[in-house]
Amino acid sequence: MAVEPRFLADATLGKLARWLRILGYDTRLGDASLNAAQLVRLARAEQRILLTRDSAVARRRGVRAVLIRSGQLEQQMAQLQDELGVSAVAPFTRCPVCNVELEAIPKDRAWGQVPPYVFCTQDEFRVCPNCDRFYWRGTHRQLMGERVAEWAQDERTEDGR
C-alpha cells in the first residue's frame, strides 16, 4: 500500500492547504513568521513535500518542493494532479481548519452543538478532537464534493481515460 504524501504549504497557500485537507491529505500550513530556512527544515524534519509560490524556496537543496505557479486554486490543483497524482484519497476525513483527523460521534453528542434543523435532519456527525468543530453532510459538503468530482473528471479527461 502506497503512503500518501504529506504536505507543508507556505503561508501564501492557505486555500490550497484547506482543499488538500478536504481531499484527505495531511497538510500543514506554515506560519507567516517562518523564513525560508525554517520552512525547509520543518518540511525535512516532518518528511513533507513543501508547496510554495516562492521560486527561491522551491530551489533550496535538501527538500522536496513544488513551485506552485498559479494563484488560482483550480490551476494549483491541476498542477498537483499532473506532478504528484493528487486526487481525493479520503475526502472529508480531516478538519479543513486544523488538519486533525475527524472522529465519528453518536448523534446525541451533537445536540446543542449544531443548529436544531441540522440535528433533526442529519444522522451522522463528525467532530474535530482538536478544535471541537462539528461536521455533517450538508449542502455545503455536497457542493464541495461536486467540486472534488469536477477536478477528478478534469484529470480523467486530460489523461484520455
C-alpha atoms as a PDB file:
ATOM      1  CA  MET A   1       0.000   0.000   0.000  1.00  0.00           C
ATOM      2  CA  ALA A   2       1.424   3.359  -1.053  1.00  0.00           C
ATOM      3  CA  VAL A   3       1.909   6.014   1.578  1.00  0.00           C
ATOM      4  CA  GLU A   4       0.064   9.210   0.740  1.00  0.00           C
ATOM      5  CA  PRO A   5       2.258  12.295   0.537  1.00  0.00           C
ATOM      6  CA  ARG A   6       2.199  14.779   3.374  1.00  0.00           C
ATOM      7  CA  PHE A   7       2.462  18.461   2.591  1.00  0.00           C
ATOM      8  CA  LEU A   8       3.717  21.684   4.115  1.00  0.00           C
ATOM      9  CA  ALA A   9       2.175  24.672   2.370  1.00  0.00           C
ATOM     10  CA  ASP A  10       3.745  28.073   2.848  1.00  0.00           C
ATOM     11  CA  ALA A  11       1.567  30.803   4.334  1.00  0.00           C
ATOM     12  CA  THR A  12       0.570  32.109   0.882  1.00  0.00           C
ATOM     13  CA  LEU A  13      -1.222  28.847   0.060  1.00  0.00           C
ATOM     14  CA  GLY A  14      -3.894  28.692   2.758  1.00  0.00           C
ATOM     15  CA  LYS A  15      -6.779  27.934   0.390  1.00  0.00           C
ATOM     16  CA  LEU A  16      -4.808  25.143  -1.304  1.00  0.00           C
ATOM     17  CA  ALA A  17      -3.899  23.673   2.100  1.00  0.00           C
ATOM     18  CA  ARG A  18      -7.561  23.684   3.121  1.00  0.00           C
ATOM     19  CA  TRP A  19      -8.617  21.859  -0.056  1.00  0.00           C
ATOM     20  CA  LEU A  20      -5.830  19.288   0.266  1.00  0.00           C
ATOM     21  CA  ARG A  21      -7.159  18.565   3.759  1.00  0.00           C
ATOM     22  CA  ILE A  22     -10.688  18.229   2.363  1.00  0.00           C
ATOM     23  CA  LEU A  23      -9.311  15.669  -0.107  1.00  0.00           C
ATOM     24  CA  GLY A  24      -7.809  13.759   2.830  1.00  0.00           C
ATOM     25  CA  TYR A  25      -4.142  14.802   2.737  1.00  0.00           C
ATOM     26  CA  ASP A  26      -2.167  15.582   5.870  1.00  0.00           C
ATOM     27  CA  THR A  27      -1.336  19.207   5.043  1.00  0.00           C
ATOM     28  CA  ARG A  28       0.352  21.544   7.456  1.00  0.00           C
ATOM     29  CA  LEU A  29       0.137  25.283   6.808  1.00  0.00           C
ATOM     30  CA  GLY A  30       3.350  27.140   7.515  1.00  0.00           C
ATOM     31  CA  ASP A  31       3.161  30.180   9.745  1.00  0.00           C
ATOM     32  CA  ALA A  32       3.822  33.514   8.031  1.00  0.00           C
ATOM     33  CA  SER A  33       6.572  34.201  10.566  1.00  0.00           C
ATOM     34  CA  LEU A  34       8.691  31.284   9.282  1.00  0.00           C
ATOM     35  CA  ASN A  35      11.540  32.233   6.992  1.00  0.00           C
ATOM     36  CA  ALA A  36      12.690  30.095   4.049  1.00  0.00           C
ATOM     37  CA  ALA A  37      15.288  28.167   6.041  1.00  0.00           C
ATOM     38  CA  GLN A  38      12.769  27.375   8.778  1.00  0.00           C
ATOM     39  CA  LEU A  39      10.191  26.170   6.229  1.00  0.00           C
ATOM     40  CA  VAL A  40      12.766  23.893   4.617  1.00  0.00           C
ATOM     41  CA  ARG A  41      13.893  22.497   7.983  1.00  0.00           C
ATOM     42  CA  LEU A  42      10.293  21.849   9.025  1.00  0.00           C
ATOM     43  CA  ALA A  43       9.442  20.100   5.753  1.00  0.00           C
ATOM     44  CA  ARG A  44      12.565  17.956   6.026  1.00  0.00           C
ATOM     45  CA  ALA A  45      12.037  17.123   9.715  1.00  0.00           C
ATOM     46  CA  GLU A  46       8.420  16.071   9.131  1.00  0.00           C
ATOM     47  CA  GLN A  47       9.098  14.420   5.757  1.00  0.00           C
ATOM     48  CA  ARG A  48       6.652  16.684   3.951  1.00  0.00           C
ATOM     49  CA  ILE A  49       6.589  17.978   0.405  1.00  0.00           C
ATOM     50  CA  LEU A  50       6.975  21.753   0.556  1.00  0.00           C
ATOM     51  CA  LEU A  51       4.431  23.672  -1.520  1.00  0.00           C
ATOM     52  CA  THR A  52       5.450  27.252  -2.194  1.00  0.00           C
ATOM     53  CA  ARG A  53       4.909  30.190  -4.533  1.00  0.00           C
ATOM     54  CA  ASP A  54       8.477  31.400  -3.850  1.00  0.00           C
ATOM     55  CA  SER A  55      10.878  30.167  -6.556  1.00  0.00           C
ATOM     56  CA  ALA A  56      13.930  30.720  -4.326  1.00  0.00           C
ATOM     57  CA  VAL A  57      12.423  28.490  -1.620  1.00  0.00           C
ATOM     58  CA  ALA A  58      11.483  25.839  -4.197  1.00  0.00           C
ATOM     59  CA  ARG A  59      15.120  25.689  -5.397  1.00  0.00           C
ATOM     60  CA  ARG A  60      16.512  25.036  -1.911  1.00  0.00           C
ATOM     61  CA  ARG A  61      18.522  21.875  -1.582  1.00  0.00           C
ATOM     62  CA  GLY A  62      17.669  19.028   0.715  1.00  0.00           C
ATOM     63  CA  VAL A  63      13.889  19.259   0.464  1.00  0.00           C
ATOM     64  CA  ARG A  64      11.297  18.032  -1.976  1.00  0.00           C
ATOM     65  CA  ALA A  65       9.448  21.129  -3.082  1.00  0.00           C
ATOM     66  CA  VAL A  66       6.850  22.046  -5.659  1.00  0.00           C
ATOM     67  CA  LEU A  67       6.761  25.579  -7.006  1.00  0.00           C
ATOM     68  CA  ILE A  68       3.084  26.425  -7.323  1.00  0.00           C
ATOM     69  CA  ARG A  69       2.876  28.551 -10.449  1.00  0.00           C
ATOM     70  CA  SER A  70      -0.682  29.881 -10.304  1.00  0.00           C
ATOM     71  CA  GLY A  71      -2.558  31.983  -7.820  1.00  0.00           C
ATOM     72  CA  GLN A  72      -5.833  30.270  -8.806  1.00  0.00           C
ATOM     73  CA  LEU A  73      -6.990  27.220  -6.842  1.00  0.00           C
ATOM     74  CA  GLU A  74      -8.183  25.277  -9.903  1.00  0.00           C
ATOM     75  CA  GLN A  75      -4.799  25.648 -11.625  1.00  0.00           C
ATOM     76  CA  GLN A  76      -2.984  24.793  -8.388  1.00  0.00           C
ATOM     77  CA  MET A  77      -4.991  21.580  -8.046  1.00  0.00           C
ATOM     78  CA  ALA A  78      -4.404  20.723 -11.716  1.00  0.00           C
ATOM     79  CA  GLN A  79      -0.659  21.222 -11.240  1.00  0.00           C
ATOM     80  CA  LEU A  80      -0.605  18.912  -8.206  1.00  0.00           C
ATOM     81  CA  GLN A  81      -2.651  16.325 -10.096  1.00  0.00           C
ATOM     82  CA  ASP A  82      -0.193  16.460 -13.001  1.00  0.00           C
ATOM     83  CA  GLU A  83       3.013  16.486 -10.967  1.00  0.00           C
ATOM     84  CA  LEU A  84       2.118  14.339  -7.956  1.00  0.00           C
ATOM     85  CA  GLY A  85      -1.050  12.482  -8.897  1.00  0.00           C
ATOM     86  CA  VAL A  86      -3.066  14.254  -6.183  1.00  0.00           C
ATOM     87  CA  SER A  87      -6.701  13.160  -6.089  1.00  0.00           C
ATOM     88  CA  ALA A  88      -9.317  12.569  -3.415  1.00  0.00           C
ATOM     89  CA  VAL A  89      -7.762   9.908  -1.159  1.00  0.00           C
ATOM     90  CA  ALA A  90     -10.075  10.147   1.851  1.00  0.00           C
ATOM     91  CA  PRO A  91     -12.396  13.105   1.356  1.00  0.00           C
ATOM     92  CA  PHE A  92     -13.919  14.823   4.371  1.00  0.00           C
ATOM     93  CA  THR A  93     -11.903  12.877   6.945  1.00  0.00           C
ATOM     94  CA  ARG A  94      -9.674  15.758   8.112  1.00  0.00           C
ATOM     95  CA  CYS A  95     -10.555  19.049   9.716  1.00  0.00           C
ATOM     96  CA  PRO A  96     -10.083  21.633   6.980  1.00  0.00           C
ATOM     97  CA  VAL A  97      -9.169  24.200   9.635  1.00  0.00           C
ATOM     98  CA  CYS A  98      -6.556  22.429  11.766  1.00  0.00           C
ATOM     99  CA  ASN A  99      -5.661  19.256   9.807  1.00  0.00           C
ATOM    100  CA  VAL A 100      -6.576  16.725  12.526  1.00  0.00           C
ATOM    101  CA  GLU A 101      -8.459  13.549  11.575  1.00  0.00           C
ATOM    102  CA  LEU A 102     -12.168  13.839  12.318  1.00  0.00           C
ATOM    103  CA  GLU A 103     -13.892  11.405  14.678  1.00  0.00           C
ATOM    104  CA  ALA A 104     -17.351   9.951  14.108  1.00  0.00           C
ATOM    105  CA  ILE A 105     -19.611  10.635  17.078  1.00  0.00           C
ATOM    106  CA  PRO A 106     -23.056   9.469  18.171  1.00  0.00           C
ATOM    107  CA  LYS A 107     -25.852  11.785  17.131  1.00  0.00           C
ATOM    108  CA  ASP A 108     -26.785  12.683  20.709  1.00  0.00           C
ATOM    109  CA  ARG A 109     -23.344  14.228  21.251  1.00  0.00           C
ATOM    110  CA  ALA A 110     -24.146  16.804  18.536  1.00  0.00           C
ATOM    111  CA  TRP A 111     -27.217  18.036  20.426  1.00  0.00           C
ATOM    112  CA  GLY A 112     -26.780  21.711  21.229  1.00  0.00           C
ATOM    113  CA  GLN A 113     -23.592  21.885  19.139  1.00  0.00           C
ATOM    114  CA  VAL A 114     -25.262  22.128  15.728  1.00  0.00           C
ATOM    115  CA  PRO A 115     -28.326  24.080  14.575  1.00  0.00           C
ATOM    116  CA  PRO A 116     -31.636  22.397  15.570  1.00  0.00           C
ATOM    117  CA  TYR A 117     -32.673  21.825  11.939  1.00  0.00           C
ATOM    118  CA  VAL A 118     -29.356  20.114  11.212  1.00  0.00           C
ATOM    119  CA  PHE A 119     -29.734  17.926  14.286  1.00  0.00           C
ATOM    120  CA  CYS A 120     -33.229  16.861  13.171  1.00  0.00           C
ATOM    121  CA  THR A 121     -32.319  16.192   9.541  1.00  0.00           C
ATOM    122  CA  GLN A 122     -28.888  14.562   9.862  1.00  0.00           C
ATOM    123  CA  ASP A 123     -27.907  11.247  11.385  1.00  0.00           C
ATOM    124  CA  GLU A 124     -24.114  11.260  11.040  1.00  0.00           C
ATOM    125  CA  PHE A 125     -21.784  13.747  12.650  1.00  0.00           C
ATOM    126  CA  ARG A 126     -18.040  14.116  12.971  1.00  0.00           C
ATOM    127  CA  VAL A 127     -16.061  16.301  15.314  1.00  0.00           C
ATOM    128  CA  CYS A 128     -12.520  17.590  15.281  1.00  0.00           C
ATOM    129  CA  PRO A 129     -10.899  16.469  18.540  1.00  0.00           C
ATOM    130  CA  ASN A 130      -8.514  19.430  18.335  1.00  0.00           C
ATOM    131  CA  CYS A 131     -10.708  22.466  17.625  1.00  0.00           C
ATOM    132  CA  ASP A 132     -14.110  20.923  18.539  1.00  0.00           C
ATOM    133  CA  ARG A 133     -15.768  21.902  15.242  1.00  0.00           C
ATOM    134  CA  PHE A 134     -18.699  19.726  14.191  1.00  0.00           C
ATOM    135  CA  TYR A 135     -19.226  18.477  10.631  1.00  0.00           C
ATOM    136  CA  TRP A 136     -22.133  16.803   8.838  1.00  0.00           C
ATOM    137  CA  ARG A 137     -23.297  16.066   5.306  1.00  0.00           C
ATOM    138  CA  GLY A 138     -24.988  19.341   4.446  1.00  0.00           C
ATOM    139  CA  THR A 139     -25.446  21.215   1.199  1.00  0.00           C
ATOM    140  CA  HIS A 140     -22.045  22.860   1.624  1.00  0.00           C
ATOM    141  CA  ARG A 141     -20.404  19.438   1.744  1.00  0.00           C
ATOM    142  CA  GLN A 142     -22.389  18.381  -1.322  1.00  0.00           C
ATOM    143  CA  LEU A 143     -21.109  21.415  -3.235  1.00  0.00           C
ATOM    144  CA  MET A 144     -17.568  20.679  -2.095  1.00  0.00           C
ATOM    145  CA  GLY A 145     -17.978  17.068  -3.210  1.00  0.00           C
ATOM    146  CA  GLU A 146     -19.127  18.239  -6.621  1.00  0.00           C
ATOM    147  CA  ARG A 147     -16.037  20.435  -6.907  1.00  0.00           C
ATOM    148  CA  VAL A 148     -13.789  17.496  -5.974  1.00  0.00           C
ATOM    149  CA  ALA A 149     -15.575  15.323  -8.557  1.00  0.00           C
ATOM    150  CA  GLU A 150     -15.066  18.040 -11.194  1.00  0.00           C
ATOM    151  CA  TRP A 151     -11.332  18.063 -10.527  1.00  0.00           C
ATOM    152  CA  ALA A 152     -11.251  14.265 -10.820  1.00  0.00           C
ATOM    153  CA  GLN A 153     -13.235  14.451 -14.077  1.00  0.00           C
ATOM    154  CA  ASP A 154     -10.854  17.108 -15.427  1.00  0.00           C
ATOM    155  CA  GLU A 155      -7.943  14.811 -14.585  1.00  0.00           C
ATOM    156  CA  ARG A 156      -9.518  11.834 -16.401  1.00  0.00           C
ATOM    157  CA  THR A 157     -10.378  13.980 -19.424  1.00  0.00           C
ATOM    158  CA  GLU A 158      -6.804  15.290 -19.689  1.00  0.00           C
ATOM    159  CA  ASP A 159      -5.374  11.762 -19.358  1.00  0.00           C
ATOM    160  CA  GLY A 160      -7.704  10.443 -22.052  1.00  0.00           C
ATOM    161  CA  ARG A 161      -9.357   7.903 -19.735  1.00  0.00           C
END
